[in-house]
Amino acid sequence: MAAALRAAKGLRLAVGPPNLGERQQGLALPFTRSAFVAKRRNHDQPNWFGVGLAFSTSAALWALLFKQHNEDVMEYERRKEERQHKCTGCS
């Protein structure tokens, strides 16, 4: 166990901190800004497409929930009536 820790410590020291001042072998600098966070959000003009998509998705899910609930209640009532039906001529 101790040997593995010494080996890991040696590897960590061999790598060292990144060099921020130079380009290494044609690669980009290791700490650059992402294009996704470089632009600030404009709160004066909301994304109406995203807002509409979110609300319509929510409304569709609620409609499906109510539809499924009504179907489940109808199925429950049908099975409840079948259990209470004790006619010997039907079976």
PDB file of N, CA and C in Angstrom:
ATOM      1  N   MET A   1       0.820  -1.188   0.000  1.00  0.00           N
ATOM      2  CA  MET A   1       0.000   0.000   0.000  1.00  0.00           C
ATOM      3  C   MET A   1       0.866   1.255   0.000  1.00  0.00           C
ATOM      4  N   ALA A   2       1.896   1.248   0.838  1.00  0.00           N
ATOM      5  CA  ALA A   2       2.773   2.407   0.927  1.00  0.00           C
ATOM      6  C   ALA A   2       3.535   2.623  -0.377  1.00  0.00           C
ATOM      7  N   ALA A   3       3.898   1.524  -1.030  1.00  0.00           N
ATOM      8  CA  ALA A   3       4.625   1.643  -2.294  1.00  0.00           C
ATOM      9  C   ALA A   3       3.747   2.280  -3.369  1.00  0.00           C
ATOM     10  N   ALA A   4       2.466   1.921  -3.375  1.00  0.00           N
ATOM     11  CA  ALA A   4       1.551   2.500  -4.353  1.00  0.00           C
ATOM     12  C   ALA A   4       1.377   3.991  -4.103  1.00  0.00           C
ATOM     13  N   LEU A   5       1.303   4.399  -2.837  1.00  0.00           N
ATOM     14  CA  LEU A   5       1.167   5.819  -2.518  1.00  0.00           C
ATOM     15  C   LEU A   5       2.417   6.595  -2.918  1.00  0.00           C
ATOM     16  N   ARG A   6       3.597   6.000  -2.695  1.00  0.00           N
ATOM     17  CA  ARG A   6       4.832   6.671  -3.101  1.00  0.00           C
ATOM     18  C   ARG A   6       4.885   6.818  -4.618  1.00  0.00           C
ATOM     19  N   ALA A   7       4.449   5.782  -5.347  1.00  0.00           N
ATOM     20  CA  ALA A   7       4.463   5.847  -6.805  1.00  0.00           C
ATOM     21  C   ALA A   7       3.507   6.934  -7.302  1.00  0.00           C
ATOM     22  N   ALA A   8       2.320   7.004  -6.702  1.00  0.00           N
ATOM     23  CA  ALA A   8       1.356   8.017  -7.106  1.00  0.00           C
ATOM     24  C   ALA A   8       1.875   9.414  -6.800  1.00  0.00           C
ATOM     25  N   LYS A   9       2.547   9.582  -5.650  1.00  0.00           N
ATOM     26  CA  LYS A   9       3.106  10.874  -5.284  1.00  0.00           C
ATOM     27  C   LYS A   9       4.199  11.276  -6.268  1.00  0.00           C
ATOM     28  N   GLY A  10       5.019  10.306  -6.679  1.00  0.00           N
ATOM     29  CA  GLY A  10       6.077  10.579  -7.646  1.00  0.00           C
ATOM     30  C   GLY A  10       5.517  10.987  -8.997  1.00  0.00           C
ATOM     31  N   LEU A  11       4.436  10.334  -9.430  1.00  0.00           N
ATOM     32  CA  LEU A  11       3.819  10.688 -10.705  1.00  0.00           C
ATOM     33  C   LEU A  11       3.213  12.088 -10.650  1.00  0.00           C
ATOM     34  N   ARG A  12       2.627  12.431  -9.521  1.00  0.00           N
ATOM     35  CA  ARG A  12       2.027  13.749  -9.375  1.00  0.00           C
ATOM     36  C   ARG A  12       3.095  14.835  -9.456  1.00  0.00           C
ATOM     37  N   LEU A  13       4.242  14.600  -8.837  1.00  0.00           N
ATOM     38  CA  LEU A  13       5.319  15.583  -8.873  1.00  0.00           C
ATOM     39  C   LEU A  13       5.946  15.670 -10.256  1.00  0.00           C
ATOM     40  N   ALA A  14       5.976  14.548 -10.991  1.00  0.00           N
ATOM     41  CA  ALA A  14       6.584  14.552 -12.312  1.00  0.00           C
ATOM     42  C   ALA A  14       5.751  15.359 -13.306  1.00  0.00           C
ATOM     43  N   VAL A  15       4.431  15.364 -13.141  1.00  0.00           N
ATOM     44  CA  VAL A  15       3.576  16.074 -14.074  1.00  0.00           C
ATOM     45  C   VAL A  15       3.677  17.572 -13.848  1.00  0.00           C
ATOM     46  N   GLY A  16       3.538  18.025 -12.635  1.00  0.00           N
ATOM     47  CA  GLY A  16       3.673  19.439 -12.310  1.00  0.00           C
ATOM     48  C   GLY A  16       2.480  20.253 -12.731  1.00  0.00           C
ATOM     49  N   PRO A  17       2.477  21.533 -12.372  1.00  0.00           N
ATOM     50  CA  PRO A  17       1.357  22.398 -12.742  1.00  0.00           C
ATOM     51  C   PRO A  17       1.402  22.744 -14.219  1.00  0.00           C
ATOM     52  N   PRO A  18       0.254  23.070 -14.823  1.00  0.00           N
ATOM     53  CA  PRO A  18       0.243  23.412 -16.252  1.00  0.00           C
ATOM     54  C   PRO A  18       0.955  24.735 -16.503  1.00  0.00           C
ATOM     55  N   ASN A  19       1.585  24.846 -17.656  1.00  0.00           N
ATOM     56  CA  ASN A  19       2.281  26.056 -18.051  1.00  0.00           C
ATOM     57  C   ASN A  19       1.281  26.951 -18.782  1.00  0.00           C
ATOM     58  N   LEU A  20       0.894  28.060 -18.194  1.00  0.00           N
ATOM     59  CA  LEU A  20      -0.161  28.894 -18.753  1.00  0.00           C
ATOM     60  C   LEU A  20       0.348  29.904 -19.767  1.00  0.00           C
ATOM     61  N   GLY A  21       1.643  30.110 -19.853  1.00  0.00           N
ATOM     62  CA  GLY A  21       2.161  31.156 -20.707  1.00  0.00           C
ATOM     63  C   GLY A  21       2.513  30.722 -22.107  1.00  0.00           C
ATOM     64  N   GLU A  22       2.617  29.468 -22.402  1.00  0.00           N
ATOM     65  CA  GLU A  22       3.068  29.008 -23.713  1.00  0.00           C
ATOM     66  C   GLU A  22       2.081  28.026 -24.309  1.00  0.00           C
ATOM     67  N   ARG A  23       2.126  27.924 -25.621  1.00  0.00           N
ATOM     68  CA  ARG A  23       1.384  26.859 -26.289  1.00  0.00           C
ATOM     69  C   ARG A  23       2.306  25.659 -26.386  1.00  0.00           C
ATOM     70  N   GLN A  24       1.764  24.490 -26.110  1.00  0.00           N
ATOM     71  CA  GLN A  24       2.588  23.290 -26.131  1.00  0.00           C
ATOM     72  C   GLN A  24       2.179  22.423 -27.308  1.00  0.00           C
ATOM     73  N   GLN A  25       3.056  22.216 -28.231  1.00  0.00           N
ATOM     74  CA  GLN A  25       2.897  21.351 -29.392  1.00  0.00           C
ATOM     75  C   GLN A  25       1.632  21.679 -30.188  1.00  0.00           C
ATOM     76  N   GLY A  26       1.352  22.943 -30.369  1.00  0.00           N
ATOM     77  CA  GLY A  26       0.235  23.364 -31.200  1.00  0.00           C
ATOM     78  C   GLY A  26      -1.123  23.239 -30.539  1.00  0.00           C
ATOM     79  N   LEU A  27      -1.202  22.877 -29.268  1.00  0.00           N
ATOM     80  CA  LEU A  27      -2.490  22.749 -28.592  1.00  0.00           C
ATOM     81  C   LEU A  27      -2.908  24.098 -28.032  1.00  0.00           C
ATOM     82  N   ALA A  28      -4.187  24.276 -27.837  1.00  0.00           N
ATOM     83  CA  ALA A  28      -4.697  25.516 -27.262  1.00  0.00           C
ATOM     84  C   ALA A  28      -4.301  25.600 -25.797  1.00  0.00           C
ATOM     85  N   LEU A  29      -4.391  26.788 -25.254  1.00  0.00           N
ATOM     86  CA  LEU A  29      -4.084  26.964 -23.843  1.00  0.00           C
ATOM     87  C   LEU A  29      -5.026  26.112 -23.007  1.00  0.00           C
ATOM     88  N   PRO A  30      -4.559  25.593 -21.890  1.00  0.00           N
ATOM     89  CA  PRO A  30      -5.397  24.683 -21.126  1.00  0.00           C
ATOM     90  C   PRO A  30      -6.599  25.347 -20.457  1.00  0.00           C
ATOM     91  N   PHE A  31      -6.507  26.635 -20.156  1.00  0.00           N
ATOM     92  CA  PHE A  31      -7.625  27.310 -19.506  1.00  0.00           C
ATOM     93  C   PHE A  31      -8.148  28.409 -20.420  1.00  0.00           C
ATOM     94  N   THR A  32      -9.135  28.077 -21.235  1.00  0.00           N
ATOM     95  CA  THR A  32      -9.742  29.054 -22.133  1.00  0.00           C
ATOM     96  C   THR A  32     -11.221  29.152 -21.809  1.00  0.00           C
ATOM     97  N   ARG A  33     -11.832  30.270 -22.171  1.00  0.00           N
ATOM     98  CA  ARG A  33     -13.264  30.433 -21.935  1.00  0.00           C
ATOM     99  C   ARG A  33     -14.049  29.620 -22.936  1.00  0.00           C
ATOM    100  N   SER A  34     -15.114  29.044 -22.481  1.00  0.00           N
ATOM    101  CA  SER A  34     -15.988  28.279 -23.359  1.00  0.00           C
ATOM    102  C   SER A  34     -16.875  29.239 -24.137  1.00  0.00           C
ATOM    103  N   ALA A  35     -17.237  28.862 -25.356  1.00  0.00           N
ATOM    104  CA  ALA A  35     -18.136  29.685 -26.160  1.00  0.00           C
ATOM    105  C   ALA A  35     -19.528  29.743 -25.565  1.00  0.00           C
ATOM    106  N   PHE A  36     -19.875  28.782 -24.722  1.00  0.00           N
ATOM    107  CA  PHE A  36     -21.209  28.736 -24.143  1.00  0.00           C
ATOM    108  C   PHE A  36     -21.382  29.739 -23.008  1.00  0.00           C
ATOM    109  N   VAL A  37     -20.314  30.191 -22.389  1.00  0.00           N
ATOM    110  CA  VAL A  37     -20.433  31.151 -21.299  1.00  0.00           C
ATOM    111  C   VAL A  37     -19.844  32.503 -21.660  1.00  0.00           C
ATOM    112  N   ALA A  38     -19.345  32.673 -22.880  1.00  0.00           N
ATOM    113  CA  ALA A  38     -18.715  33.927 -23.260  1.00  0.00           C
ATOM    114  C   ALA A  38     -19.754  35.021 -23.500  1.00  0.00           C
ATOM    115  N   LYS A  39     -20.976  34.657 -23.828  1.00  0.00           N
ATOM    116  CA  LYS A  39     -22.014  35.640 -24.124  1.00  0.00           C
ATOM    117  C   LYS A  39     -22.934  35.776 -22.915  1.00  0.00           C
ATOM    118  N   ARG A  40     -23.187  37.000 -22.509  1.00  0.00           N
ATOM    119  CA  ARG A  40     -24.079  37.233 -21.369  1.00  0.00           C
ATOM    120  C   ARG A  40     -25.526  37.098 -21.827  1.00  0.00           C
ATOM    121  N   ARG A  41     -26.376  36.639 -20.939  1.00  0.00           N
ATOM    122  CA  ARG A  41     -27.790  36.483 -21.257  1.00  0.00           C
ATOM    123  C   ARG A  41     -28.472  37.851 -21.285  1.00  0.00           C
ATOM    124  N   ASN A  42     -29.356  38.047 -22.238  1.00  0.00           N
ATOM    125  CA  ASN A  42     -30.121  39.277 -22.356  1.00  0.00           C
ATOM    126  C   ASN A  42     -31.502  39.016 -21.760  1.00  0.00           C
ATOM    127  N   HIS A  43     -31.760  39.566 -20.566  1.00  0.00           N
ATOM    128  CA  HIS A  43     -33.025  39.329 -19.894  1.00  0.00           C
ATOM    129  C   HIS A  43     -34.118  40.276 -20.373  1.00  0.00           C
ATOM    130  N   ASP A  44     -33.766  41.236 -21.225  1.00  0.00           N
ATOM    131  CA  ASP A  44     -34.776  42.144 -21.778  1.00  0.00           C
ATOM    132  C   ASP A  44     -35.612  41.463 -22.859  1.00  0.00           C
ATOM    133  N   GLN A  45     -35.047  40.455 -23.515  1.00  0.00           N
ATOM    134  CA  GLN A  45     -35.753  39.728 -24.566  1.00  0.00           C
ATOM    135  C   GLN A  45     -35.782  38.245 -24.197  1.00  0.00           C
ATOM    136  N   PRO A  46     -36.850  37.794 -23.524  1.00  0.00           N
ATOM    137  CA  PRO A  46     -36.915  36.384 -23.128  1.00  0.00           C
ATOM    138  C   PRO A  46     -36.994  35.464 -24.337  1.00  0.00           C
ATOM    139  N   ASN A  47     -36.610  34.245 -24.141  1.00  0.00           N
ATOM    140  CA  ASN A  47     -36.680  33.231 -25.187  1.00  0.00           C
ATOM    141  C   ASN A  47     -38.108  32.700 -25.222  1.00  0.00           C
ATOM    142  N   TRP A  48     -38.960  33.330 -26.030  1.00  0.00           N
ATOM    143  CA  TRP A  48     -40.378  32.986 -26.030  1.00  0.00           C
ATOM    144  C   TRP A  48     -40.615  31.595 -26.580  1.00  0.00           C
ATOM    145  N   PHE A  49     -39.765  31.136 -27.480  1.00  0.00           N
ATOM    146  CA  PHE A  49     -39.916  29.773 -27.987  1.00  0.00           C
ATOM    147  C   PHE A  49     -39.706  28.770 -26.853  1.00  0.00           C
ATOM    148  N   GLY A  50     -38.680  28.984 -26.045  1.00  0.00           N
ATOM    149  CA  GLY A  50     -38.426  28.086 -24.912  1.00  0.00           C
ATOM    150  C   GLY A  50     -39.522  28.152 -23.869  1.00  0.00           C
ATOM    151  N   VAL A  51     -40.041  29.365 -23.622  1.00  0.00           N
ATOM    152  CA  VAL A  51     -41.130  29.527 -22.652  1.00  0.00           C
ATOM    153  C   VAL A  51     -42.370  28.800 -23.146  1.00  0.00           C
ATOM    154  N   GLY A  52     -42.703  28.976 -24.406  1.00  0.00           N
ATOM    155  CA  GLY A  52     -43.877  28.304 -24.977  1.00  0.00           C
ATOM    156  C   GLY A  52     -43.720  26.795 -24.985  1.00  0.00           C
ATOM    157  N   LEU A  53     -42.525  26.344 -25.308  1.00  0.00           N
ATOM    158  CA  LEU A  53     -42.277  24.904 -25.313  1.00  0.00           C
ATOM    159  C   LEU A  53     -42.425  24.316 -23.915  1.00  0.00           C
ATOM    160  N   ALA A  54     -41.926  25.016 -22.910  1.00  0.00           N
ATOM    161  CA  ALA A  54     -42.025  24.525 -21.536  1.00  0.00           C
ATOM    162  C   ALA A  54     -43.484  24.472 -21.084  1.00  0.00           C
ATOM    163  N   PHE A  55     -44.246  25.545 -21.327  1.00  0.00           N
ATOM    164  CA  PHE A  55     -45.642  25.560 -20.901  1.00  0.00           C
ATOM    165  C   PHE A  55     -46.490  24.558 -21.671  1.00  0.00           C
ATOM    166  N   SER A  56     -46.265  24.426 -22.978  1.00  0.00           N
ATOM    167  CA  SER A  56     -47.070  23.478 -23.750  1.00  0.00           C
ATOM    168  C   SER A  56     -46.741  22.037 -23.349  1.00  0.00           C
ATOM    169  N   THR A  57     -45.481  21.760 -23.042  1.00  0.00           N
ATOM    170  CA  THR A  57     -45.118  20.425 -22.579  1.00  0.00           C
ATOM    171  C   THR A  57     -45.786  20.129 -21.246  1.00  0.00           C
ATOM    172  N   SER A  58     -45.776  21.102 -20.358  1.00  0.00           N
ATOM    173  CA  SER A  58     -46.420  20.930 -19.059  1.00  0.00           C
ATOM    174  C   SER A  58     -47.924  20.708 -19.228  1.00  0.00           C
ATOM    175  N   ALA A  59     -48.569  21.482 -20.084  1.00  0.00           N
ATOM    176  CA  ALA A  59     -50.009  21.330 -20.307  1.00  0.00           C
ATOM    177  C   ALA A  59     -50.323  19.960 -20.914  1.00  0.00           C
ATOM    178  N   ALA A  60     -49.498  19.506 -21.862  1.00  0.00           N
ATOM    179  CA  ALA A  60     -49.726  18.197 -22.474  1.00  0.00           C
ATOM    180  C   ALA A  60     -49.575  17.077 -21.442  1.00  0.00           C
ATOM    181  N   LEU A  61     -48.588  17.187 -20.576  1.00  0.00           N
ATOM    182  CA  LEU A  61     -48.409  16.159 -19.549  1.00  0.00           C
ATOM    183  C   LEU A  61     -49.572  16.141 -18.557  1.00  0.00           C
ATOM    184  N   TRP A  62     -50.080  17.329 -18.186  1.00  0.00           N
ATOM    185  CA  TRP A  62     -51.227  17.366 -17.290  1.00  0.00           C
ATOM    186  C   TRP A  62     -52.458  16.775 -17.976  1.00  0.00           C
ATOM    187  N   ALA A  63     -52.661  17.060 -19.252  1.00  0.00           N
ATOM    188  CA  ALA A  63     -53.796  16.494 -19.981  1.00  0.00           C
ATOM    189  C   ALA A  63     -53.701  14.971 -20.028  1.00  0.00           C
ATOM    190  N   LEU A  64     -52.516  14.452 -20.299  1.00  0.00           N
ATOM    191  CA  LEU A  64     -52.343  12.995 -20.298  1.00  0.00           C
ATOM    192  C   LEU A  64     -52.584  12.405 -18.912  1.00  0.00           C
ATOM    193  N   LEU A  65     -52.179  13.120 -17.876  1.00  0.00           N
ATOM    194  CA  LEU A  65     -52.394  12.646 -16.511  1.00  0.00           C
ATOM    195  C   LEU A  65     -53.883  12.562 -16.191  1.00  0.00           C
ATOM    196  N   PHE A  66     -54.666  13.606 -16.533  1.00  0.00           N
ATOM    197  CA  PHE A  66     -56.102  13.582 -16.278  1.00  0.00           C
ATOM    198  C   PHE A  66     -56.800  12.506 -17.100  1.00  0.00           C
ATOM    199  N   LYS A  67     -56.377  12.351 -18.356  1.00  0.00           N
ATOM    200  CA  LYS A  67     -56.976  11.319 -19.221  1.00  0.00           C
ATOM    201  C   LYS A  67     -56.721   9.939 -18.643  1.00  0.00           C
ATOM    202  N   GLN A  68     -55.495   9.676 -18.234  1.00  0.00           N
ATOM    203  CA  GLN A  68     -55.160   8.373 -17.663  1.00  0.00           C
ATOM    204  C   GLN A  68     -55.910   8.149 -16.350  1.00  0.00           C
ATOM    205  N   HIS A  69     -56.046   9.189 -15.545  1.00  0.00           N
ATOM    206  CA  HIS A  69     -56.782   9.064 -14.281  1.00  0.00           C
ATOM    207  C   HIS A  69     -58.242   8.705 -14.541  1.00  0.00           C
ATOM    208  N   ASN A  70     -58.874   9.369 -15.503  1.00  0.00           N
ATOM    209  CA  ASN A  70     -60.269   9.072 -15.821  1.00  0.00           C
ATOM    210  C   ASN A  70     -60.431   7.641 -16.326  1.00  0.00           C
ATOM    211  N   GLU A  71     -59.493   7.182 -17.171  1.00  0.00           N
ATOM    212  CA  GLU A  71     -59.544   5.796 -17.645  1.00  0.00           C
ATOM    213  C   GLU A  71     -59.370   4.810 -16.495  1.00  0.00           C
ATOM    214  N   ASP A  72     -58.484   5.121 -15.566  1.00  0.00           N
ATOM    215  CA  ASP A  72     -58.264   4.240 -14.417  1.00  0.00           C
ATOM    216  C   ASP A  72     -59.501   4.189 -13.516  1.00  0.00           C
ATOM    217  N   VAL A  73     -60.172   5.326 -13.327  1.00  0.00           N
ATOM    218  CA  VAL A  73     -61.382   5.349 -12.505  1.00  0.00           C
ATOM    219  C   VAL A  73     -62.481   4.529 -13.174  1.00  0.00           C
ATOM    220  N   MET A  74     -62.631   4.674 -14.490  1.00  0.00           N
ATOM    221  CA  MET A  74     -63.646   3.890 -15.200  1.00  0.00           C
ATOM    222  C   MET A  74     -63.356   2.393 -15.103  1.00  0.00           C
ATOM    223  N   GLU A  75     -62.108   2.006 -15.255  1.00  0.00           N
ATOM    224  CA  GLU A  75     -61.727   0.590 -15.140  1.00  0.00           C
ATOM    225  C   GLU A  75     -61.971   0.085 -13.722  1.00  0.00           C
ATOM    226  N   TYR A  76     -61.701   0.907 -12.707  1.00  0.00           N
ATOM    227  CA  TYR A  76     -61.951   0.525 -11.322  1.00  0.00           C
ATOM    228  C   TYR A  76     -63.444   0.288 -11.092  1.00  0.00           C
ATOM    229  N   GLU A  77     -64.279   1.204 -11.599  1.00  0.00           N
ATOM    230  CA  GLU A  77     -65.724   1.051 -11.431  1.00  0.00           C
ATOM    231  C   GLU A  77     -66.228  -0.200 -12.148  1.00  0.00           C
ATOM    232  N   ARG A  78     -65.720  -0.484 -13.351  1.00  0.00           N
ATOM    233  CA  ARG A  78     -66.139  -1.665 -14.103  1.00  0.00           C
ATOM    234  C   ARG A  78     -65.791  -2.940 -13.340  1.00  0.00           C
ATOM    235  N   ARG A  79     -64.565  -3.018 -12.816  1.00  0.00           N
ATOM    236  CA  ARG A  79     -64.154  -4.219 -12.073  1.00  0.00           C
ATOM    237  C   ARG A  79     -64.921  -4.351 -10.757  1.00  0.00           C
ATOM    238  N   LYS A  80     -65.252  -3.210 -10.137  1.00  0.00           N
ATOM    239  CA  LYS A  80     -66.011  -3.250  -8.890  1.00  0.00           C
ATOM    240  C   LYS A  80     -67.411  -3.817  -9.142  1.00  0.00           C
ATOM    241  N   GLU A  81     -68.024  -3.424 -10.260  1.00  0.00           N
ATOM    242  CA  GLU A  81     -69.341  -3.967 -10.610  1.00  0.00           C
ATOM    243  C   GLU A  81     -69.267  -5.451 -10.925  1.00  0.00           C
ATOM    244  N   GLU A  82     -68.209  -5.890 -11.595  1.00  0.00           N
ATOM    245  CA  GLU A  82     -68.039  -7.313 -11.898  1.00  0.00           C
ATOM    246  C   GLU A  82     -67.902  -8.151 -10.634  1.00  0.00           C
ATOM    247  N   ARG A  83     -67.220  -7.643  -9.639  1.00  0.00           N
ATOM    248  CA  ARG A  83     -67.043  -8.392  -8.372  1.00  0.00           C
ATOM    249  C   ARG A  83     -68.365  -8.528  -7.637  1.00  0.00           C
ATOM    250  N   GLN A  84     -69.192  -7.498  -7.709  1.00  0.00           N
ATOM    251  CA  GLN A  84     -70.449  -7.531  -6.974  1.00  0.00           C
ATOM    252  C   GLN A  84     -71.517  -8.326  -7.703  1.00  0.00           C
ATOM    253  N   HIS A  85     -71.323  -8.614  -8.985  1.00  0.00           N
ATOM    254  CA  HIS A  85     -72.287  -9.383  -9.768  1.00  0.00           C
ATOM    255  C   HIS A  85     -72.158 -10.855  -9.430  1.00  0.00           C
ATOM    256  N   LYS A  86     -73.197 -11.439  -8.800  1.00  0.00           N
ATOM    257  CA  LYS A  86     -73.143 -12.834  -8.327  1.00  0.00           C
ATOM    258  C   LYS A  86     -74.150 -13.695  -9.077  1.00  0.00           C
ATOM    259  N   CYS A  87     -74.352 -13.484 -10.308  1.00  0.00           N
ATOM    260  CA  CYS A  87     -75.337 -14.247 -11.077  1.00  0.00           C
ATOM    261  C   CYS A  87     -74.733 -15.579 -11.501  1.00  0.00           C
ATOM    262  N   THR A  88     -75.414 -16.688 -11.279  1.00  0.00           N
ATOM    263  CA  THR A  88     -74.913 -18.019 -11.671  1.00  0.00           C
ATOM    264  C   THR A  88     -75.186 -18.285 -13.142  1.00  0.00           C
ATOM    265  N   GLY A  89     -76.130 -17.598 -13.738  1.00  0.00           N
ATOM    266  CA  GLY A  89     -76.456 -17.827 -15.138  1.00  0.00           C
ATOM    267  C   GLY A  89     -75.442 -17.233 -16.089  1.00  0.00           C
ATOM    268  N   CYS A  90     -74.683 -16.245 -15.658  1.00  0.00           N
ATOM    269  CA  CYS A  90     -73.691 -15.593 -16.531  1.00  0.00           C
ATOM    270  C   CYS A  90     -72.421 -16.415 -16.629  1.00  0.00           C
ATOM    271  N   SER A  91     -72.072 -17.166 -15.599  1.00  0.00           N
ATOM    272  CA  SER A  91     -70.783 -17.852 -15.619  1.00  0.00           C
ATOM    273  C   SER A  91     -70.814 -19.166 -16.315  1.00  0.00           C
TER     274      SER A  91
END
